[in-house]
Structures are given as C-alpha cells and as structure tokens.
Amino acid sequence: MSLVGVVMGSKSDEQLMQPALDMLQQLGIEYDVSVISAHRNPEKTREYGLKAERRGIEVIIAGAGKAAHLPGVLASWTTLPIIGVPLGTSELLGVDALYSMAQMPAGVPVACVAIDGAKNAALLAAAILGLKHEEIKKAYEKYRRSLSEGQLEPTSGRGKATKKSSAKNTS
C-alpha cells in the first residue's frame, strides 16, 4: 500500500519530480503518482484530497510551477501533511511557485522545500513517516549517516546523490 502520494500539476513536471520518486524508491517507501491540475480539473483535485487518507496515503508531495496552487488546494481538502515542491517552470524560475506555497494562509499549512527540491521533499516525507514506521526511520537514518560519513555526495536537489569515488586525481 502506498504511503506517499506524489502529485504534479502537469505531465511535463515529471522530470523535475523524478528525484523524489528515486529517493522514495531508494528508501523503500511505496508511493503512487498522479497528474492533477488544480486549475484544469479542480473536481479531481478535490476528490484526491478527500480520498487520499482512506487509500492509505499518509503524506502528499505536490509539485507545481507558476501559480502553483496544487499543494494549497490539496491542503484545503485533507489534513494529511502536504509537502510542496515549487517547480522552476516559468519565466520567474520558480520564485512565483515558491511564494505561492510559502505564503499559505494560517490554518491551511503546506510545508515547502526549495525550488526544484523534489529530493528533499521525499526525505522530509521519510522523516515524517519515520515517526510511525520503524523500517522507514531506519532507512532514513542510514541515508543520513551515509551523508555524514562522506559515502554519498549530496546534490542540489536535481538528481541523485552519488557515491564518492576514492580515486585521486594525480595530474
């Protein structure tokens, strides 16, 4: 059963959201993926928010660019934690999406990661789920240890952490 719902506003957002999917898979967290536009299909967005918890979803990661209303609209229909990923798909390079998510009104919170920070959204979802699911907590802690021990090199959020090479440049 999927614990994380990964939702994006457009099929074209898939590449920017891929780091979240990769990280969830690396940590062994089951997820489902949906493409739902809060503007073009508000009823589907409402239905997703209302039914997510009944389907076993415990955290929603919602990526959107431009006006980026998807995370906020979902938050209005569920009390599940929503992690917004502002996507740099506009002329404003994601700043518009960042403001849309970060400036939610009181009472309807959306956690917000960096622009194109899908990987960190998955890690935040793991931290939340780890409060309840011991195996996820252990996987998340193992990942964090590998960062602190220098086994992985973190990326800016776009892409995967890579194993450090032990080869030295002798030139």
N, C-alpha and C. Protein backbone atom coordinates (compact mmCIF):
# COMPACT_ATOMS: atom_id res chain seq x y z
N MET A 1 0.84 -1.18 0.00
CA MET A 1 0.00 0.00 0.00
C MET A 1 0.89 1.25 0.00
N SER A 2 0.54 2.18 -0.84
CA SER A 2 1.31 3.42 -0.95
C SER A 2 1.10 4.29 0.29
N LEU A 3 2.20 4.78 0.83
CA LEU A 3 2.16 5.69 1.97
C LEU A 3 2.29 7.14 1.53
N VAL A 4 2.89 7.36 0.35
CA VAL A 4 3.11 8.71 -0.16
C VAL A 4 2.38 8.87 -1.48
N GLY A 5 1.65 9.94 -1.58
CA GLY A 5 1.05 10.32 -2.85
C GLY A 5 1.90 11.41 -3.46
N VAL A 6 2.42 11.18 -4.64
CA VAL A 6 3.20 12.19 -5.36
C VAL A 6 2.30 12.72 -6.47
N VAL A 7 2.02 14.01 -6.38
CA VAL A 7 1.08 14.64 -7.31
C VAL A 7 1.80 15.78 -8.01
N MET A 8 1.58 15.89 -9.30
CA MET A 8 2.15 17.02 -10.04
C MET A 8 1.07 17.64 -10.91
N GLY A 9 1.22 18.91 -11.18
CA GLY A 9 0.21 19.64 -11.91
C GLY A 9 0.15 19.36 -13.39
N SER A 10 1.23 18.83 -13.95
CA SER A 10 1.30 18.60 -15.38
C SER A 10 2.26 17.45 -15.67
N LYS A 11 2.00 16.71 -16.72
CA LYS A 11 2.89 15.62 -17.14
C LYS A 11 4.29 16.16 -17.41
N SER A 12 4.39 17.40 -17.84
CA SER A 12 5.70 17.99 -18.13
C SER A 12 6.53 18.22 -16.87
N ASP A 13 5.92 18.11 -15.68
CA ASP A 13 6.64 18.28 -14.41
C ASP A 13 7.37 17.00 -13.99
N GLU A 14 7.12 15.92 -14.70
CA GLU A 14 7.62 14.61 -14.28
C GLU A 14 9.14 14.58 -14.11
N GLN A 15 9.87 15.16 -15.03
CA GLN A 15 11.34 15.14 -14.93
C GLN A 15 11.83 15.86 -13.67
N LEU A 16 11.19 16.96 -13.32
CA LEU A 16 11.60 17.71 -12.13
C LEU A 16 11.21 17.00 -10.84
N MET A 17 10.19 16.16 -10.90
CA MET A 17 9.74 15.40 -9.72
C MET A 17 10.43 14.04 -9.59
N GLN A 18 11.15 13.62 -10.63
CA GLN A 18 11.80 12.30 -10.62
C GLN A 18 12.73 12.09 -9.43
N PRO A 19 13.50 13.10 -8.99
CA PRO A 19 14.35 12.87 -7.82
C PRO A 19 13.58 12.43 -6.57
N ALA A 20 12.35 12.88 -6.42
CA ALA A 20 11.53 12.43 -5.28
C ALA A 20 11.21 10.95 -5.43
N LEU A 21 10.84 10.55 -6.62
CA LEU A 21 10.50 9.15 -6.87
C LEU A 21 11.71 8.26 -6.65
N ASP A 22 12.86 8.72 -7.13
CA ASP A 22 14.10 7.95 -6.95
C ASP A 22 14.44 7.78 -5.47
N MET A 23 14.30 8.86 -4.70
CA MET A 23 14.64 8.80 -3.28
C MET A 23 13.64 7.94 -2.51
N LEU A 24 12.36 8.06 -2.81
CA LEU A 24 11.37 7.21 -2.15
C LEU A 24 11.67 5.74 -2.43
N GLN A 25 12.01 5.45 -3.67
CA GLN A 25 12.34 4.07 -4.02
C GLN A 25 13.60 3.61 -3.28
N GLN A 26 14.61 4.46 -3.23
CA GLN A 26 15.86 4.12 -2.53
C GLN A 26 15.60 3.81 -1.06
N LEU A 27 14.67 4.52 -0.45
CA LEU A 27 14.36 4.32 0.96
C LEU A 27 13.32 3.22 1.19
N GLY A 28 12.82 2.64 0.12
CA GLY A 28 11.86 1.54 0.25
C GLY A 28 10.46 2.00 0.63
N ILE A 29 10.11 3.21 0.26
CA ILE A 29 8.80 3.77 0.59
C ILE A 29 7.88 3.64 -0.62
N GLU A 30 6.75 2.99 -0.42
CA GLU A 30 5.80 2.83 -1.51
C GLU A 30 5.07 4.14 -1.76
N TYR A 31 4.84 4.42 -3.04
CA TYR A 31 4.20 5.67 -3.44
C TYR A 31 3.35 5.44 -4.68
N ASP A 32 2.45 6.38 -4.91
CA ASP A 32 1.74 6.41 -6.18
C ASP A 32 1.94 7.79 -6.79
N VAL A 33 1.77 7.88 -8.08
CA VAL A 33 1.98 9.13 -8.82
C VAL A 33 0.69 9.49 -9.55
N SER A 34 0.30 10.75 -9.44
CA SER A 34 -0.88 11.26 -10.13
C SER A 34 -0.56 12.60 -10.77
N VAL A 35 -1.12 12.84 -11.92
CA VAL A 35 -1.03 14.15 -12.58
C VAL A 35 -2.42 14.76 -12.48
N ILE A 36 -2.50 15.85 -11.71
CA ILE A 36 -3.79 16.51 -11.47
C ILE A 36 -3.57 18.02 -11.49
N SER A 37 -4.30 18.70 -12.32
CA SER A 37 -4.21 20.16 -12.37
C SER A 37 -5.29 20.76 -11.48
N ALA A 38 -4.88 21.55 -10.51
CA ALA A 38 -5.85 22.23 -9.64
C ALA A 38 -6.71 23.21 -10.43
N HIS A 39 -6.18 23.73 -11.55
CA HIS A 39 -6.92 24.71 -12.34
C HIS A 39 -7.77 24.06 -13.42
N ARG A 40 -7.22 23.07 -14.11
CA ARG A 40 -7.93 22.45 -15.22
C ARG A 40 -8.90 21.35 -14.77
N ASN A 41 -8.66 20.79 -13.58
CA ASN A 41 -9.53 19.73 -13.10
C ASN A 41 -9.70 19.84 -11.58
N PRO A 42 -10.36 20.90 -11.12
CA PRO A 42 -10.48 21.11 -9.68
C PRO A 42 -11.27 20.00 -8.98
N GLU A 43 -12.24 19.39 -9.65
CA GLU A 43 -13.02 18.33 -9.03
C GLU A 43 -12.15 17.10 -8.76
N LYS A 44 -11.26 16.76 -9.67
CA LYS A 44 -10.35 15.63 -9.47
C LYS A 44 -9.38 15.92 -8.33
N THR A 45 -8.94 17.18 -8.22
CA THR A 45 -8.07 17.59 -7.12
C THR A 45 -8.80 17.42 -5.79
N ARG A 46 -10.03 17.88 -5.74
CA ARG A 46 -10.86 17.75 -4.53
C ARG A 46 -11.02 16.29 -4.15
N GLU A 47 -11.36 15.46 -5.11
CA GLU A 47 -11.57 14.04 -4.85
C GLU A 47 -10.28 13.38 -4.34
N TYR A 48 -9.15 13.73 -4.94
CA TYR A 48 -7.88 13.16 -4.50
C TYR A 48 -7.62 13.52 -3.03
N GLY A 49 -7.80 14.79 -2.70
CA GLY A 49 -7.58 15.23 -1.32
C GLY A 49 -8.51 14.57 -0.33
N LEU A 50 -9.77 14.43 -0.69
CA LEU A 50 -10.75 13.83 0.21
C LEU A 50 -10.52 12.34 0.43
N LYS A 51 -10.03 11.63 -0.59
CA LYS A 51 -9.92 10.17 -0.52
C LYS A 51 -8.51 9.66 -0.21
N ALA A 52 -7.53 10.52 -0.18
CA ALA A 52 -6.14 10.07 -0.01
C ALA A 52 -5.94 9.28 1.28
N GLU A 53 -6.42 9.77 2.38
CA GLU A 53 -6.22 9.09 3.66
C GLU A 53 -6.90 7.73 3.67
N ARG A 54 -8.10 7.64 3.12
CA ARG A 54 -8.80 6.35 3.05
C ARG A 54 -8.05 5.33 2.21
N ARG A 55 -7.26 5.82 1.25
CA ARG A 55 -6.47 4.92 0.40
C ARG A 55 -5.15 4.52 1.07
N GLY A 56 -4.88 5.02 2.26
CA GLY A 56 -3.66 4.66 2.98
C GLY A 56 -2.53 5.66 2.85
N ILE A 57 -2.74 6.71 2.10
CA ILE A 57 -1.72 7.76 1.95
C ILE A 57 -1.54 8.46 3.29
N GLU A 58 -0.29 8.70 3.69
CA GLU A 58 -0.01 9.39 4.95
C GLU A 58 0.67 10.73 4.74
N VAL A 59 1.30 10.94 3.60
CA VAL A 59 1.96 12.20 3.26
C VAL A 59 1.75 12.42 1.76
N ILE A 60 1.50 13.67 1.38
CA ILE A 60 1.38 14.03 -0.03
C ILE A 60 2.51 14.97 -0.40
N ILE A 61 3.20 14.65 -1.48
CA ILE A 61 4.20 15.55 -2.08
C ILE A 61 3.56 16.10 -3.34
N ALA A 62 3.43 17.42 -3.41
CA ALA A 62 2.76 18.05 -4.55
C ALA A 62 3.70 19.04 -5.23
N GLY A 63 4.04 18.76 -6.47
CA GLY A 63 4.91 19.64 -7.23
C GLY A 63 4.11 20.45 -8.23
N ALA A 64 4.40 21.73 -8.30
CA ALA A 64 3.69 22.60 -9.24
C ALA A 64 4.55 23.82 -9.54
N GLY A 65 4.37 24.34 -10.74
CA GLY A 65 5.07 25.55 -11.14
C GLY A 65 4.09 26.69 -11.33
N LYS A 66 4.63 27.84 -11.69
CA LYS A 66 3.87 29.06 -11.96
C LYS A 66 3.00 29.43 -10.76
N ALA A 67 1.68 29.50 -10.92
CA ALA A 67 0.80 29.89 -9.81
C ALA A 67 0.83 28.88 -8.68
N ALA A 68 1.10 27.62 -9.01
CA ALA A 68 1.38 26.56 -8.03
C ALA A 68 0.34 26.41 -6.94
N HIS A 69 -0.91 26.37 -7.33
CA HIS A 69 -1.98 26.23 -6.34
C HIS A 69 -2.22 24.79 -5.89
N LEU A 70 -1.66 23.81 -6.59
CA LEU A 70 -1.97 22.42 -6.29
C LEU A 70 -1.74 22.03 -4.83
N PRO A 71 -0.57 22.32 -4.24
CA PRO A 71 -0.39 21.93 -2.84
C PRO A 71 -1.41 22.57 -1.90
N GLY A 72 -1.69 23.82 -2.10
CA GLY A 72 -2.64 24.52 -1.24
C GLY A 72 -4.07 24.03 -1.40
N VAL A 73 -4.45 23.76 -2.63
CA VAL A 73 -5.80 23.24 -2.86
C VAL A 73 -5.93 21.86 -2.22
N LEU A 74 -4.91 21.02 -2.38
CA LEU A 74 -4.95 19.71 -1.72
C LEU A 74 -5.03 19.87 -0.20
N ALA A 75 -4.26 20.81 0.35
CA ALA A 75 -4.29 21.05 1.80
C ALA A 75 -5.66 21.49 2.27
N SER A 76 -6.42 22.12 1.40
CA SER A 76 -7.76 22.56 1.79
C SER A 76 -8.75 21.40 1.87
N TRP A 77 -8.39 20.25 1.28
CA TRP A 77 -9.29 19.10 1.25
C TRP A 77 -8.83 17.94 2.12
N THR A 78 -7.70 18.05 2.78
CA THR A 78 -7.22 16.97 3.65
C THR A 78 -6.43 17.56 4.80
N THR A 79 -6.33 16.80 5.88
CA THR A 79 -5.48 17.21 7.00
C THR A 79 -4.15 16.45 6.97
N LEU A 80 -3.92 15.66 5.93
CA LEU A 80 -2.62 14.99 5.79
C LEU A 80 -1.52 16.02 5.58
N PRO A 81 -0.29 15.70 5.97
CA PRO A 81 0.82 16.62 5.67
C PRO A 81 1.01 16.75 4.16
N ILE A 82 1.13 17.99 3.72
CA ILE A 82 1.39 18.29 2.31
C ILE A 82 2.77 18.92 2.23
N ILE A 83 3.61 18.38 1.36
CA ILE A 83 4.93 18.95 1.11
C ILE A 83 4.91 19.51 -0.30
N GLY A 84 5.03 20.82 -0.42
CA GLY A 84 5.01 21.47 -1.73
C GLY A 84 6.41 21.55 -2.32
N VAL A 85 6.48 21.27 -3.60
CA VAL A 85 7.73 21.41 -4.35
C VAL A 85 7.52 22.46 -5.42
N PRO A 86 8.03 23.68 -5.20
CA PRO A 86 7.90 24.70 -6.25
C PRO A 86 8.81 24.35 -7.42
N LEU A 87 8.24 24.35 -8.61
CA LEU A 87 9.00 23.95 -9.79
C LEU A 87 9.34 25.18 -10.64
N GLY A 88 10.57 25.22 -11.09
CA GLY A 88 11.06 26.35 -11.87
C GLY A 88 10.67 26.24 -13.33
N THR A 89 9.38 26.31 -13.60
CA THR A 89 8.89 26.12 -14.96
C THR A 89 8.47 27.42 -15.65
N SER A 90 8.61 28.54 -14.98
CA SER A 90 8.13 29.80 -15.54
C SER A 90 9.29 30.75 -15.83
N GLU A 91 8.93 31.89 -16.36
CA GLU A 91 9.93 32.94 -16.62
C GLU A 91 10.55 33.43 -15.32
N LEU A 92 9.86 33.21 -14.20
CA LEU A 92 10.35 33.63 -12.90
C LEU A 92 11.17 32.52 -12.22
N LEU A 93 11.41 31.44 -12.93
CA LEU A 93 12.29 30.34 -12.49
C LEU A 93 11.87 29.71 -11.16
N GLY A 94 10.58 29.72 -10.87
CA GLY A 94 10.07 29.05 -9.68
C GLY A 94 9.84 29.94 -8.49
N VAL A 95 10.28 31.19 -8.55
CA VAL A 95 10.07 32.09 -7.42
C VAL A 95 8.57 32.32 -7.21
N ASP A 96 7.82 32.40 -8.31
CA ASP A 96 6.36 32.56 -8.21
C ASP A 96 5.74 31.37 -7.49
N ALA A 97 6.17 30.17 -7.85
CA ALA A 97 5.64 28.96 -7.21
C ALA A 97 6.04 28.90 -5.74
N LEU A 98 7.27 29.28 -5.45
CA LEU A 98 7.76 29.30 -4.07
C LEU A 98 6.90 30.22 -3.20
N TYR A 99 6.64 31.43 -3.68
CA TYR A 99 5.81 32.36 -2.92
C TYR A 99 4.40 31.81 -2.73
N SER A 100 3.85 31.20 -3.76
CA SER A 100 2.50 30.65 -3.67
C SER A 100 2.40 29.61 -2.56
N MET A 101 3.43 28.77 -2.43
CA MET A 101 3.40 27.70 -1.42
C MET A 101 3.78 28.21 -0.04
N ALA A 102 4.75 29.09 0.02
CA ALA A 102 5.26 29.55 1.32
C ALA A 102 4.29 30.52 2.01
N GLN A 103 3.42 31.15 1.25
CA GLN A 103 2.52 32.16 1.82
C GLN A 103 1.10 31.64 2.01
N MET A 104 0.97 30.38 2.41
CA MET A 104 -0.36 29.83 2.66
C MET A 104 -1.00 30.54 3.86
N PRO A 105 -2.33 30.68 3.83
CA PRO A 105 -2.99 31.34 4.96
C PRO A 105 -2.93 30.49 6.22
N ALA A 106 -3.00 31.14 7.36
CA ALA A 106 -3.00 30.44 8.64
C ALA A 106 -4.12 29.41 8.67
N GLY A 107 -3.79 28.23 9.19
CA GLY A 107 -4.77 27.17 9.32
C GLY A 107 -4.76 26.16 8.20
N VAL A 108 -4.10 26.47 7.09
CA VAL A 108 -4.00 25.55 5.95
C VAL A 108 -2.53 25.44 5.56
N PRO A 109 -1.75 24.72 6.40
CA PRO A 109 -0.31 24.69 6.17
C PRO A 109 0.12 23.81 5.00
N VAL A 110 1.17 24.24 4.34
CA VAL A 110 1.87 23.45 3.33
C VAL A 110 3.35 23.59 3.66
N ALA A 111 4.02 22.46 3.91
CA ALA A 111 5.47 22.51 4.06
C ALA A 111 6.04 22.79 2.67
N CYS A 112 7.13 23.49 2.61
CA CYS A 112 7.67 23.89 1.31
C CYS A 112 9.18 23.67 1.29
N VAL A 113 9.65 22.97 0.27
CA VAL A 113 11.08 22.77 0.10
C VAL A 113 11.58 23.76 -0.95
N ALA A 114 12.84 23.68 -1.28
CA ALA A 114 13.45 24.61 -2.23
C ALA A 114 12.87 24.44 -3.64
N ILE A 115 13.07 25.43 -4.46
CA ILE A 115 12.69 25.33 -5.86
C ILE A 115 13.38 24.12 -6.47
N ASP A 116 12.61 23.28 -7.12
CA ASP A 116 13.08 22.02 -7.71
C ASP A 116 13.67 21.08 -6.66
N GLY A 117 13.20 21.18 -5.43
CA GLY A 117 13.73 20.38 -4.32
C GLY A 117 12.98 19.09 -4.09
N ALA A 118 12.65 18.38 -5.15
CA ALA A 118 11.86 17.15 -5.03
C ALA A 118 12.55 16.10 -4.16
N LYS A 119 13.86 16.01 -4.26
CA LYS A 119 14.59 15.03 -3.46
C LYS A 119 14.39 15.32 -1.97
N ASN A 120 14.53 16.57 -1.57
CA ASN A 120 14.33 16.92 -0.16
C ASN A 120 12.88 16.70 0.27
N ALA A 121 11.94 16.85 -0.65
CA ALA A 121 10.55 16.56 -0.30
C ALA A 121 10.39 15.09 0.08
N ALA A 122 11.04 14.21 -0.66
CA ALA A 122 10.98 12.78 -0.34
C ALA A 122 11.66 12.50 1.00
N LEU A 123 12.76 13.18 1.27
CA LEU A 123 13.45 12.99 2.55
C LEU A 123 12.61 13.52 3.71
N LEU A 124 11.93 14.63 3.51
CA LEU A 124 11.03 15.15 4.55
C LEU A 124 9.86 14.18 4.76
N ALA A 125 9.33 13.63 3.69
CA ALA A 125 8.27 12.63 3.82
C ALA A 125 8.77 11.43 4.62
N ALA A 126 10.01 11.01 4.37
CA ALA A 126 10.59 9.88 5.10
C ALA A 126 10.72 10.21 6.58
N ALA A 127 11.13 11.42 6.89
CA ALA A 127 11.26 11.82 8.30
C ALA A 127 9.90 11.80 8.99
N ILE A 128 8.87 12.27 8.31
CA ILE A 128 7.51 12.27 8.88
C ILE A 128 7.04 10.83 9.07
N LEU A 129 7.18 10.02 8.04
CA LEU A 129 6.74 8.63 8.12
C LEU A 129 7.53 7.83 9.15
N GLY A 130 8.79 8.19 9.34
CA GLY A 130 9.65 7.51 10.30
C GLY A 130 9.17 7.65 11.74
N LEU A 131 8.33 8.61 12.01
CA LEU A 131 7.76 8.75 13.35
C LEU A 131 6.83 7.59 13.68
N LYS A 132 6.28 6.96 12.67
CA LYS A 132 5.32 5.87 12.83
C LYS A 132 5.84 4.53 12.33
N HIS A 133 6.69 4.55 11.30
CA HIS A 133 7.14 3.34 10.63
C HIS A 133 8.63 3.13 10.89
N GLU A 134 8.95 2.17 11.72
CA GLU A 134 10.33 1.92 12.14
C GLU A 134 11.26 1.61 10.97
N GLU A 135 10.80 0.83 10.00
CA GLU A 135 11.68 0.47 8.87
C GLU A 135 12.04 1.68 8.02
N ILE A 136 11.11 2.63 7.91
CA ILE A 136 11.39 3.87 7.17
C ILE A 136 12.35 4.73 7.98
N LYS A 137 12.15 4.79 9.28
CA LYS A 137 13.05 5.55 10.14
C LYS A 137 14.48 5.02 9.99
N LYS A 138 14.65 3.71 10.01
CA LYS A 138 15.98 3.12 9.88
C LYS A 138 16.60 3.42 8.52
N ALA A 139 15.81 3.33 7.46
CA ALA A 139 16.32 3.62 6.12
C ALA A 139 16.73 5.08 6.01
N TYR A 140 15.93 5.98 6.58
CA TYR A 140 16.23 7.41 6.55
C TYR A 140 17.50 7.70 7.36
N GLU A 141 17.60 7.11 8.53
CA GLU A 141 18.79 7.31 9.36
C GLU A 141 20.04 6.76 8.67
N LYS A 142 19.92 5.63 8.01
CA LYS A 142 21.05 5.06 7.27
C LYS A 142 21.49 6.01 6.15
N TYR A 143 20.53 6.57 5.44
CA TYR A 143 20.85 7.53 4.39
C TYR A 143 21.58 8.75 4.97
N ARG A 144 21.06 9.28 6.07
CA ARG A 144 21.69 10.45 6.69
C ARG A 144 23.09 10.13 7.18
N ARG A 145 23.28 8.93 7.76
CA ARG A 145 24.63 8.52 8.20
C ARG A 145 25.58 8.45 7.02
N SER A 146 25.10 7.93 5.90
CA SER A 146 25.97 7.82 4.74
C SER A 146 26.40 9.20 4.24
N LEU A 147 25.54 10.20 4.40
CA LEU A 147 25.93 11.57 4.06
C LEU A 147 27.01 12.08 5.01
N SER A 148 26.79 11.87 6.30
CA SER A 148 27.74 12.40 7.29
C SER A 148 29.07 11.66 7.26
N GLU A 149 29.04 10.41 6.83
CA GLU A 149 30.28 9.64 6.73
C GLU A 149 30.99 9.86 5.39
N GLY A 150 30.39 10.70 4.55
CA GLY A 150 31.01 11.03 3.28
C GLY A 150 30.88 9.95 2.23
N GLN A 151 29.98 8.98 2.43
CA GLN A 151 29.80 7.92 1.44
C GLN A 151 29.01 8.40 0.24
N LEU A 152 28.18 9.40 0.43
CA LEU A 152 27.39 9.97 -0.65
C LEU A 152 27.67 11.45 -0.72
N GLU A 153 27.63 11.97 -1.92
CA GLU A 153 27.75 13.40 -2.12
C GLU A 153 26.36 13.93 -2.41
N PRO A 154 25.84 14.81 -1.55
CA PRO A 154 24.50 15.34 -1.79
C PRO A 154 24.49 16.19 -3.06
N THR A 155 23.32 16.25 -3.69
CA THR A 155 23.15 17.11 -4.85
C THR A 155 22.31 18.31 -4.44
N SER A 156 22.15 19.23 -5.34
CA SER A 156 21.36 20.42 -5.04
C SER A 156 19.87 20.14 -4.98
N GLY A 157 19.48 18.92 -5.27
CA GLY A 157 18.06 18.60 -5.28
C GLY A 157 17.63 18.08 -6.63
N ARG A 158 18.35 18.45 -7.67
CA ARG A 158 18.07 17.96 -9.01
C ARG A 158 18.98 16.78 -9.27
N GLY A 159 18.48 15.61 -9.06
CA GLY A 159 19.28 14.43 -9.33
C GLY A 159 19.59 13.66 -8.07
N LYS A 160 20.38 12.64 -8.24
CA LYS A 160 20.66 11.71 -7.17
C LYS A 160 21.98 12.03 -6.50
N ALA A 161 22.08 11.65 -5.23
CA ALA A 161 23.37 11.68 -4.58
C ALA A 161 24.22 10.61 -5.23
N THR A 162 25.49 10.86 -5.32
CA THR A 162 26.37 9.88 -5.98
C THR A 162 27.38 9.35 -4.98
N LYS A 163 27.80 8.11 -5.20
CA LYS A 163 28.82 7.54 -4.34
C LYS A 163 30.12 8.28 -4.60
N LYS A 164 30.83 8.57 -3.54
CA LYS A 164 32.11 9.24 -3.66
C LYS A 164 33.13 8.29 -4.24
N SER A 165 33.91 8.77 -5.13
CA SER A 165 34.98 7.98 -5.70
C SER A 165 36.20 8.09 -4.82
N SER A 166 36.88 6.98 -4.63
CA SER A 166 38.09 7.02 -3.81
C SER A 166 39.33 7.28 -4.64
N ALA A 167 39.15 7.36 -5.96
CA ALA A 167 40.30 7.64 -6.85
C ALA A 167 40.70 9.09 -6.70
N LYS A 168 42.00 9.33 -6.72
CA LYS A 168 42.51 10.69 -6.59
C LYS A 168 43.07 11.14 -7.92
N ASN A 169 42.89 12.41 -8.20
CA ASN A 169 43.42 12.99 -9.41
C ASN A 169 44.91 13.26 -9.19
N THR A 170 45.75 12.65 -10.00
CA THR A 170 47.19 12.81 -9.81
C THR A 170 47.81 13.77 -10.81
N SER A 171 46.99 14.44 -11.58
CA SER A 171 47.56 15.35 -12.58
C SER A 171 47.84 16.71 -11.99
